[in-house]
Amino acid sequence: MIIRASSLGGRAGLAVALLFSTAAGAQDRPAPDPDSAAAVVIAIPPLATAKKVDTDAGDTWTLANQISDLIVADLKSTSSFIIANAKTVRIPSYPEVTAPSYPQWRSVGAKLLVSGFVNARSDGRLTIGCYLYDVQAGRELDRQGFAVTPTEWRRAAHKCADAAYTRVTGRAPTFDSRIAYVARSGTDEQPVKRLAVMDFDGANHVYLTDGAAIVLTPRWSPKGDRIAYTSFEGGRLHVRIADVDTKADRPLLPVGDDSFAPAFAPDGRTIALSMSVGGNIDLFAVDSGGGIPRRLTTAPSIETGPSYSPDGKRIAFTSDRSGSPQIYVMDSDGSNQRRISFGGGDYGSAAWSPDGDKIAFTRRDGPLIRIGIMSADGSGDRIVSAGPDDEQPSWSPDGSRLLFQRLDPGSRRTLLAMVPARGGEVRTVITPQSAADPSWAETQE
């Protein structure tokens, strides 16, 4: 039954419609603390298909296996799930997708089951459905269904994984999201730095700039349709806006004072940035469509790296007004400026968490440059990466992980890495070349 229909788009030419989505009542929704709750054992068998049909992305039987593999990879990337060994269990038939045999899944210790199907449609698209079951209670918890072009099957798989992840952890979806970063190539004497975008798992990698001009500090808009970044195009340091779908690109401000380090406000209508005016670097706010910048700071020091709180009421930023770079917070109109970093060393790269409770940062302490987290009031300062050269943290959409730039001491190559927000094992994010300045977008609409 079609409950509602809406766009899953955000990319030109994408034709993805939500066919069905149901869930049990809020009173039935488990909401454990994902940082302390035990991992849930989940079974994810290959999806079924009513009939093997060739498509532009492969036949439906092959896609059914690829989709389940991607759901497994997504959920394994978190600490919230243990994937059940289902090799001894018979693969569900097409009718069993909506009527699972619970005893066989209990036999492998599964608490939850993700099952689904992929079918070819007469209009050339695919229908992909996925169901989440409580194996112990023997009942359906959630279902998701999508009509997608064959080449967009990965997005449907990510959304199926997001449904299970959100149901179990209570956190926001995270897998159907994208990462922007600066792709580095060339030589030290002639560096090439391009604005690049890829899916959360590294797929669908594209470049938005051609490398003719050096780019820095990309930052997503709240809707994930635009990226504000710093460019040296024309030999001038200035902020530009790139449209992710069309690759259209424009300067934010007319030719004038240098501008850099942009950050979108949560409503997408305002961008905070640094500007060099009269020999001093201060923070300004400007409409995202352009206009006259509004001054936010006036200290005789360097103010840069703004990051809005999720409610848009405050801005965290870096200033050296105290004699060394430290993190400050102010109201979004520039009032009530106050220092919040007092842990020793130099601080920078403030990044407000999605829930508004925490601020991630870079801290230089002697030879070590590491990633840390503090409460929004500056308390509870703690380091979550080992260094020795980690910078530019960016939160995952659900606030459970931090993506950052790391300089590999052996190869001297910059790469992207990811660490749980509570600390733990660091995982390298694979990119085609050296990578820096990551920005993790909200999940796609």
Protein backbone atom coordinates (compact mmCIF):
# COMPACT_ATOMS: atom_id res chain seq x y z
CA MET A 1 0.00 0.00 0.00
CA ILE A 2 1.30 3.45 -0.89
CA ILE A 3 1.34 5.49 2.27
CA ARG A 4 3.05 8.59 0.94
CA ALA A 5 5.18 9.72 -1.98
CA SER A 6 8.03 12.18 -1.83
CA SER A 7 11.29 12.96 -3.57
CA LEU A 8 14.47 11.30 -2.42
CA GLY A 9 16.30 13.48 -4.87
CA GLY A 10 18.81 16.24 -4.66
CA ARG A 11 20.67 15.15 -7.80
CA ALA A 12 19.77 16.22 -11.31
CA GLY A 13 17.75 13.63 -13.12
CA LEU A 14 17.14 11.51 -10.04
CA ALA A 15 13.76 9.85 -10.08
CA VAL A 16 13.38 8.21 -6.71
CA ALA A 17 10.02 8.02 -4.94
CA LEU A 18 9.24 6.70 -1.50
CA LEU A 19 6.56 4.06 -2.03
CA PHE A 20 5.80 2.92 1.48
CA SER A 21 7.04 3.56 4.97
CA THR A 22 5.50 2.29 8.16
CA ALA A 23 6.70 1.83 11.69
CA ALA A 24 5.38 0.71 15.03
CA GLY A 25 4.24 3.35 17.47
CA ALA A 26 6.71 5.49 19.33
CA GLN A 27 5.96 3.58 22.54
CA ASP A 28 7.41 0.44 20.90
CA ARG A 29 10.59 2.10 19.63
CA PRO A 30 13.75 1.02 21.45
CA ALA A 31 15.93 4.00 22.32
CA PRO A 32 19.12 2.73 23.99
CA ASP A 33 22.15 4.89 24.47
CA PRO A 34 24.22 3.88 21.41
CA ASP A 35 27.43 4.75 23.23
CA SER A 36 26.79 2.28 26.04
CA ALA A 37 24.22 -0.25 24.82
CA ALA A 38 25.34 -3.71 23.80
CA ALA A 39 25.51 -4.34 20.06
CA VAL A 40 22.44 -6.00 18.55
CA VAL A 41 22.81 -9.19 16.53
CA ILE A 42 21.13 -8.68 13.16
CA ALA A 43 20.64 -11.06 10.23
CA ILE A 44 20.81 -9.65 6.69
CA PRO A 45 20.27 -12.35 4.05
CA PRO A 46 20.38 -11.62 0.30
CA LEU A 47 17.29 -9.85 -0.96
CA ALA A 48 14.82 -11.79 -3.08
CA THR A 49 13.52 -11.06 -6.56
CA ALA A 50 10.31 -12.23 -8.19
CA LYS A 51 12.04 -12.70 -11.53
CA LYS A 52 15.59 -12.36 -12.79
CA VAL A 53 15.56 -9.40 -15.19
CA ASP A 54 18.47 -7.59 -16.83
CA THR A 55 18.78 -3.85 -16.08
CA ASP A 56 21.29 -1.08 -16.83
CA ALA A 57 22.97 -1.85 -13.49
CA GLY A 58 22.96 -5.65 -13.82
CA ASP A 59 20.30 -8.30 -13.38
CA THR A 60 17.92 -8.15 -10.44
CA TRP A 61 19.37 -11.28 -8.81
CA THR A 62 22.85 -9.74 -8.75
CA LEU A 63 21.47 -6.42 -7.48
CA ALA A 64 19.60 -8.24 -4.71
CA ASN A 65 22.91 -9.61 -3.44
CA GLN A 66 24.73 -6.28 -3.84
CA ILE A 67 22.06 -4.41 -1.91
CA SER A 68 22.22 -6.80 1.04
CA ASP A 69 26.04 -6.61 0.97
CA LEU A 70 25.88 -2.82 1.14
CA ILE A 71 23.42 -2.89 4.05
CA VAL A 72 25.81 -5.23 5.86
CA ALA A 73 28.76 -2.91 5.18
CA ASP A 74 26.85 0.12 6.44
CA LEU A 75 25.75 -1.47 9.70
CA LYS A 76 29.14 -3.11 10.30
CA SER A 77 30.75 0.34 10.15
CA THR A 78 29.08 1.16 13.47
CA SER A 79 29.49 -0.40 16.91
CA SER A 80 25.74 -0.90 17.28
CA PHE A 81 25.41 -4.15 15.33
CA ILE A 82 26.88 -7.63 15.09
CA ILE A 83 26.07 -9.35 11.80
CA ALA A 84 24.71 -12.88 12.35
CA ASN A 85 26.39 -15.73 10.49
CA ALA A 86 23.56 -16.82 8.22
CA LYS A 87 25.51 -19.24 6.04
CA THR A 88 23.71 -22.20 7.60
CA VAL A 89 20.29 -20.62 7.09
CA ARG A 90 18.27 -21.10 3.93
CA ILE A 91 18.03 -17.92 1.84
CA PRO A 92 14.46 -16.58 2.11
CA SER A 93 12.23 -17.07 -0.89
CA TYR A 94 10.30 -14.17 -2.37
CA PRO A 95 7.08 -14.92 -0.40
CA GLU A 96 9.11 -15.17 2.83
CA VAL A 97 10.18 -11.54 2.56
CA THR A 98 6.87 -10.50 4.15
CA ALA A 99 6.37 -13.74 6.12
CA PRO A 100 9.76 -14.69 7.58
CA SER A 101 10.51 -18.01 9.22
CA TYR A 102 11.47 -16.67 12.65
CA PRO A 103 12.73 -19.97 14.14
CA GLN A 104 15.56 -20.27 11.61
CA TRP A 105 16.79 -16.77 12.43
CA ARG A 106 16.55 -17.43 16.17
CA SER A 107 18.76 -20.47 15.57
CA VAL A 108 21.68 -18.21 14.59
CA GLY A 109 21.16 -15.85 17.52
CA ALA A 110 19.63 -13.00 15.53
CA LYS A 111 17.56 -10.46 17.43
CA LEU A 112 16.65 -8.51 14.31
CA LEU A 113 16.21 -9.37 10.64
CA VAL A 114 16.48 -7.17 7.56
CA SER A 115 14.77 -8.77 4.59
CA GLY A 116 13.67 -7.37 1.26
CA PHE A 117 13.25 -7.63 -2.48
CA VAL A 118 14.23 -5.98 -5.76
CA ASN A 119 11.98 -6.17 -8.83
CA ALA A 120 12.18 -4.67 -12.31
CA ARG A 121 9.33 -2.36 -13.32
CA SER A 122 7.76 -1.86 -16.72
CA ASP A 123 8.93 1.79 -16.72
CA GLY A 124 12.60 0.76 -16.51
CA ARG A 125 12.96 1.53 -12.82
CA LEU A 126 13.40 -0.83 -9.89
CA THR A 127 11.16 -1.36 -6.90
CA ILE A 128 13.27 -2.03 -3.83
CA GLY A 129 11.62 -2.93 -0.56
CA CYS A 130 13.16 -3.70 2.81
CA TYR A 131 11.62 -4.84 6.08
CA LEU A 132 12.92 -4.83 9.64
CA TYR A 133 11.68 -7.61 11.92
CA ASP A 134 11.98 -8.31 15.63
CA VAL A 135 12.97 -11.96 15.49
CA GLN A 136 12.38 -12.69 19.16
CA ALA A 137 8.91 -11.13 19.24
CA GLY A 138 8.04 -12.33 15.75
CA ARG A 139 6.76 -9.03 14.41
CA GLU A 140 7.50 -6.34 11.85
CA LEU A 141 9.10 -3.15 13.13
CA ASP A 142 9.52 -1.06 10.00
CA ARG A 143 9.41 -1.11 6.22
CA GLN A 144 10.81 1.07 3.46
CA GLY A 145 10.08 0.98 -0.26
CA PHE A 146 11.58 2.89 -3.16
CA ALA A 147 11.16 3.26 -6.91
CA VAL A 148 14.62 4.04 -8.28
CA THR A 149 16.49 4.12 -11.53
CA PRO A 150 18.81 1.07 -11.73
CA THR A 151 21.90 3.21 -11.18
CA GLU A 152 20.47 4.58 -7.92
CA TRP A 153 20.17 1.24 -6.14
CA ARG A 154 22.93 2.22 -3.70
CA ARG A 155 20.82 5.06 -2.29
CA ALA A 156 17.95 2.69 -1.61
CA ALA A 157 20.34 0.29 0.14
CA HIS A 158 21.74 3.09 2.31
CA LYS A 159 18.22 4.14 3.26
CA CYS A 160 17.34 0.56 4.21
CA ALA A 161 20.41 0.51 6.47
CA ASP A 162 19.44 3.91 7.89
CA ALA A 163 15.99 2.57 8.80
CA ALA A 164 17.50 -0.24 10.87
CA TYR A 165 20.15 2.02 12.40
CA THR A 166 17.67 4.70 13.43
CA ARG A 167 15.24 2.15 14.81
CA VAL A 168 17.85 0.54 17.04
CA THR A 169 19.89 3.53 18.16
CA GLY A 170 17.39 6.39 18.07
CA ARG A 171 19.97 8.41 16.17
CA ALA A 172 19.51 10.35 12.96
CA PRO A 173 20.09 8.57 9.61
CA THR A 174 23.70 8.69 8.46
CA PHE A 175 24.43 6.28 5.59
CA ASP A 176 22.62 8.11 2.78
CA SER A 177 24.91 11.10 3.15
CA ARG A 178 27.78 12.70 1.25
CA ILE A 179 31.24 14.00 1.99
CA ALA A 180 32.91 17.01 0.39
CA TYR A 181 36.66 17.43 0.59
CA VAL A 182 39.68 18.94 -1.12
CA ALA A 183 41.37 16.44 -3.46
CA ARG A 184 45.11 17.03 -3.61
CA SER A 185 47.44 16.06 -6.46
CA GLY A 186 50.35 17.60 -8.35
CA THR A 187 53.61 18.50 -6.65
CA ASP A 188 54.65 20.70 -3.75
CA GLU A 189 55.80 23.29 -6.28
CA GLN A 190 52.65 23.01 -8.42
CA PRO A 191 49.83 21.66 -6.26
CA VAL A 192 46.43 20.85 -7.73
CA LYS A 193 43.51 21.11 -5.32
CA ARG A 194 40.00 20.30 -6.51
CA LEU A 195 36.64 20.33 -4.78
CA ALA A 196 35.40 16.73 -4.65
CA VAL A 197 32.18 15.05 -3.49
CA MET A 198 31.47 11.40 -2.78
CA ASP A 199 28.95 9.26 -0.98
CA PHE A 200 29.49 8.29 2.65
CA ASP A 201 31.13 5.03 1.54
CA GLY A 202 33.29 6.56 -1.22
CA ALA A 203 31.02 5.70 -4.15
CA ASN A 204 29.80 8.16 -6.80
CA HIS A 205 32.95 10.27 -6.61
CA VAL A 206 32.87 13.50 -8.65
CA TYR A 207 34.91 16.70 -8.94
CA LEU A 208 33.14 20.05 -8.86
CA THR A 209 36.17 22.14 -9.84
CA ASP A 210 38.81 21.48 -12.48
CA GLY A 211 41.93 22.21 -10.45
CA ALA A 212 42.82 25.42 -12.29
CA ALA A 213 42.51 27.30 -8.97
CA ILE A 214 43.42 26.13 -5.48
CA VAL A 215 40.39 25.51 -3.24
CA LEU A 216 40.07 25.22 0.54
CA THR A 217 37.53 24.71 3.37
CA PRO A 218 34.40 23.35 1.64
CA ARG A 219 31.25 23.50 3.77
CA TRP A 220 27.85 22.03 2.94
CA SER A 221 24.58 23.90 2.96
CA PRO A 222 21.93 22.42 5.29
CA LYS A 223 19.98 20.88 2.39
CA GLY A 224 23.10 19.42 0.79
CA ASP A 225 22.49 21.17 -2.53
CA ARG A 226 25.30 23.75 -2.31
CA ILE A 227 28.85 23.97 -1.05
CA ALA A 228 30.53 27.17 0.09
CA TYR A 229 34.30 27.09 -0.27
CA THR A 230 37.41 29.26 -0.45
CA SER A 231 39.03 29.76 -3.87
CA PHE A 232 42.15 31.40 -5.25
CA GLU A 233 40.56 31.81 -8.68
CA GLY A 234 41.84 34.95 -10.39
CA GLY A 235 44.65 35.20 -7.83
CA ARG A 236 42.25 36.46 -5.17
CA LEU A 237 41.21 34.71 -1.94
CA HIS A 238 37.41 34.66 -1.95
CA VAL A 239 34.39 32.55 -1.09
CA ARG A 240 32.44 30.85 -3.87
CA ILE A 241 29.21 28.83 -3.96
CA ALA A 242 29.01 25.60 -5.96
CA ASP A 243 25.74 23.95 -6.92
CA VAL A 244 26.31 20.24 -6.37
CA ASP A 245 23.85 18.99 -9.00
CA THR A 246 24.50 21.41 -11.84
CA LYS A 247 28.13 22.28 -10.97
CA ALA A 248 27.23 25.95 -11.47
CA ASP A 249 29.65 28.13 -9.56
CA ARG A 250 29.64 31.78 -8.52
CA PRO A 251 31.45 34.16 -6.18
CA LEU A 252 29.54 34.99 -3.01
CA LEU A 253 30.70 38.61 -2.95
CA PRO A 254 31.86 41.03 -5.65
CA VAL A 255 35.54 41.76 -6.12
CA GLY A 256 36.92 43.43 -3.02
CA ASP A 257 38.40 42.38 0.30
CA ASP A 258 39.71 38.86 0.74
CA SER A 259 37.14 36.43 2.17
CA PHE A 260 37.57 32.84 3.32
CA ALA A 261 36.48 30.09 5.79
CA PRO A 262 32.71 30.11 5.09
CA ALA A 263 30.00 28.35 7.12
CA PHE A 264 26.28 28.12 6.39
CA ALA A 265 23.74 28.97 9.06
CA PRO A 266 21.25 26.13 9.75
CA ASP A 267 18.52 27.88 7.76
CA GLY A 268 20.80 28.10 4.70
CA ARG A 269 20.05 31.80 4.24
CA THR A 270 23.19 33.21 5.88
CA ILE A 271 26.90 32.47 5.60
CA ALA A 272 29.44 33.46 8.23
CA LEU A 273 32.98 34.00 6.95
CA SER A 274 36.28 35.70 7.60
CA MET A 275 37.19 38.91 5.77
CA SER A 276 40.40 40.89 5.69
CA VAL A 277 39.35 44.52 6.01
CA GLY A 278 41.76 47.35 6.73
CA GLY A 279 44.58 44.97 7.56
CA ASN A 280 42.56 43.02 10.16
CA ILE A 281 40.74 39.70 9.87
CA ASP A 282 37.24 39.66 11.36
CA LEU A 283 34.08 37.61 11.08
CA PHE A 284 31.15 38.81 9.00
CA ALA A 285 27.74 37.44 8.04
CA VAL A 286 26.26 37.76 4.56
CA ASP A 287 23.15 36.49 2.83
CA SER A 288 23.88 33.25 0.99
CA GLY A 289 22.68 34.88 -2.22
CA GLY A 290 25.16 37.73 -1.79
CA GLY A 291 24.76 41.22 -0.46
CA ILE A 292 26.43 43.54 2.02
CA PRO A 293 28.47 41.77 4.73
CA ARG A 294 27.49 42.49 8.35
CA ARG A 295 30.39 42.75 10.79
CA LEU A 296 30.33 40.38 13.77
CA THR A 297 33.73 40.98 15.42
CA THR A 298 35.97 44.01 15.87
CA ALA A 299 38.91 42.72 17.92
CA PRO A 300 42.44 43.67 16.73
CA SER A 301 43.24 40.00 16.13
CA ILE A 302 42.53 37.16 13.73
CA GLU A 303 38.99 35.73 13.89
CA THR A 304 38.26 32.75 11.65
CA GLY A 305 36.72 29.28 11.35
CA PRO A 306 33.06 30.01 12.23
CA SER A 307 30.64 27.16 13.03
CA TYR A 308 26.95 27.71 13.78
CA SER A 309 25.12 25.92 16.55
CA PRO A 310 22.27 23.73 15.21
CA ASP A 311 19.65 26.26 16.35
CA GLY A 312 21.50 29.08 14.61
CA LYS A 313 21.66 31.19 17.76
CA ARG A 314 25.40 30.94 18.41
CA ILE A 315 28.67 30.78 16.49
CA ALA A 316 31.87 29.09 17.63
CA PHE A 317 35.08 30.47 16.13
CA THR A 318 38.84 30.72 16.54
CA SER A 319 40.57 33.90 17.72
CA ASP A 320 44.12 34.72 18.83
CA ARG A 321 43.05 37.78 20.84
CA SER A 322 44.38 36.15 24.03
CA GLY A 323 47.83 35.67 22.50
CA SER A 324 47.30 32.20 21.05
CA PRO A 325 44.56 30.60 18.94
CA GLN A 326 41.61 29.65 21.15
CA ILE A 327 37.95 28.80 20.68
CA TYR A 328 35.33 31.43 21.44
CA VAL A 329 31.54 31.42 21.28
CA MET A 330 29.26 34.37 20.53
CA ASP A 331 25.63 34.99 19.75
CA SER A 332 24.93 34.92 16.02
CA ASP A 333 24.67 38.73 15.96
CA GLY A 334 28.22 39.04 17.34
CA SER A 335 27.28 39.80 20.95
CA ASN A 336 28.35 37.99 24.13
CA GLN A 337 31.77 36.86 22.90
CA ARG A 338 33.51 34.57 25.37
CA ARG A 339 36.43 32.17 25.39
CA ILE A 340 35.64 28.51 26.14
CA SER A 341 38.95 26.65 25.54
CA PHE A 342 41.32 26.44 28.49
CA GLY A 343 42.91 23.01 28.14
CA GLY A 344 46.40 24.17 27.22
CA GLY A 345 47.89 24.45 23.75
CA ASP A 346 46.50 26.07 20.62
CA TYR A 347 42.90 25.42 19.56
CA GLY A 348 41.13 25.74 16.22
CA SER A 349 38.69 24.23 13.70
CA ALA A 350 35.63 24.41 15.96
CA ALA A 351 32.74 22.25 14.75
CA TRP A 352 29.39 22.22 16.51
CA SER A 353 27.77 18.79 16.99
CA PRO A 354 24.36 18.06 15.41
CA ASP A 355 22.68 17.89 18.84
CA GLY A 356 24.23 21.22 19.91
CA ASP A 357 25.74 19.79 23.11
CA LYS A 358 29.36 19.49 22.00
CA ILE A 359 32.05 21.22 19.98
CA ALA A 360 34.81 19.31 18.21
CA PHE A 361 38.17 20.98 17.75
CA THR A 362 41.80 20.66 16.69
CA ARG A 363 44.38 21.12 19.45
CA ARG A 364 48.11 21.61 19.00
CA ASP A 365 50.03 20.66 22.15
CA GLY A 366 53.78 20.57 21.57
CA PRO A 367 54.53 18.29 18.59
CA LEU A 368 51.06 16.74 18.59
CA ILE A 369 48.05 17.96 16.63
CA ARG A 370 44.95 16.01 17.62
CA ILE A 371 41.16 16.02 17.46
CA GLY A 372 39.14 16.62 20.61
CA ILE A 373 35.66 17.28 21.91
CA MET A 374 34.34 19.58 24.62
CA SER A 375 30.90 20.47 25.90
CA ALA A 376 29.40 23.57 24.32
CA ASP A 377 30.30 25.56 27.44
CA GLY A 378 33.95 24.46 27.24
CA SER A 379 33.85 21.84 29.98
CA GLY A 380 34.81 18.19 29.58
CA ASP A 381 37.69 18.81 27.16
CA ARG A 382 39.01 15.44 25.91
CA ILE A 383 41.15 14.15 23.05
CA VAL A 384 39.76 11.42 20.76
CA SER A 385 42.54 10.93 18.17
CA ALA A 386 46.19 10.01 18.66
CA GLY A 387 47.75 12.34 16.11
CA PRO A 388 50.46 13.22 15.49
CA ASP A 389 48.94 15.43 12.79
CA ASP A 390 45.11 15.40 12.80
CA GLU A 391 43.01 18.43 11.83
CA GLN A 392 39.66 19.75 10.58
CA PRO A 393 37.00 17.64 12.34
CA SER A 394 33.52 17.28 10.82
CA TRP A 395 30.60 15.52 12.53
CA SER A 396 28.61 12.65 11.04
CA PRO A 397 24.91 13.52 10.57
CA ASP A 398 23.98 11.50 13.68
CA GLY A 399 26.80 12.88 15.83
CA SER A 400 28.33 9.46 16.53
CA ARG A 401 31.54 9.91 14.54
CA LEU A 402 34.08 12.50 13.50
CA LEU A 403 35.66 12.73 10.07
CA PHE A 404 39.00 14.52 9.92
CA GLN A 405 42.18 15.16 7.96
CA ARG A 406 45.31 13.17 8.90
CA LEU A 407 48.88 13.51 7.67
CA ASP A 408 50.41 10.06 7.33
CA PRO A 409 53.89 10.28 8.90
CA GLY A 410 55.40 7.72 6.53
CA SER A 411 54.14 8.81 3.13
CA ARG A 412 53.57 12.45 4.13
CA ARG A 413 50.26 12.11 2.30
CA THR A 414 47.12 13.68 3.69
CA LEU A 415 44.15 11.38 3.99
CA LEU A 416 40.71 11.27 5.57
CA ALA A 417 40.06 9.29 8.73
CA MET A 418 37.10 8.61 10.97
CA VAL A 419 36.87 8.04 14.73
CA PRO A 420 33.94 7.40 17.09
CA ALA A 421 33.01 10.56 18.98
CA ARG A 422 33.58 8.75 22.26
CA GLY A 423 37.07 7.73 21.06
CA GLY A 424 38.24 4.37 19.77
CA GLU A 425 39.56 2.80 16.61
CA VAL A 426 40.41 5.18 13.77
CA ARG A 427 39.38 4.05 10.29
CA THR A 428 40.90 5.40 7.07
CA VAL A 429 38.43 6.69 4.48
CA ILE A 430 39.52 5.64 1.00
CA THR A 431 39.82 8.41 -1.61
CA PRO A 432 41.38 8.35 -5.10
CA GLN A 433 44.17 10.71 -4.06
CA SER A 434 45.36 12.77 -1.11
CA ALA A 435 42.48 14.41 0.70
CA ALA A 436 41.97 17.29 3.13
CA ASP A 437 39.38 19.67 4.61
CA PRO A 438 36.46 17.22 4.89
CA SER A 439 32.85 18.27 5.38
CA TRP A 440 30.16 15.68 6.09
CA ALA A 441 26.68 16.62 4.87
CA GLU A 442 23.32 15.84 6.39
CA THR A 443 21.53 12.85 4.86
CA GLN A 444 20.10 13.50 1.42
CA GLU A 445 16.46 14.40 0.95
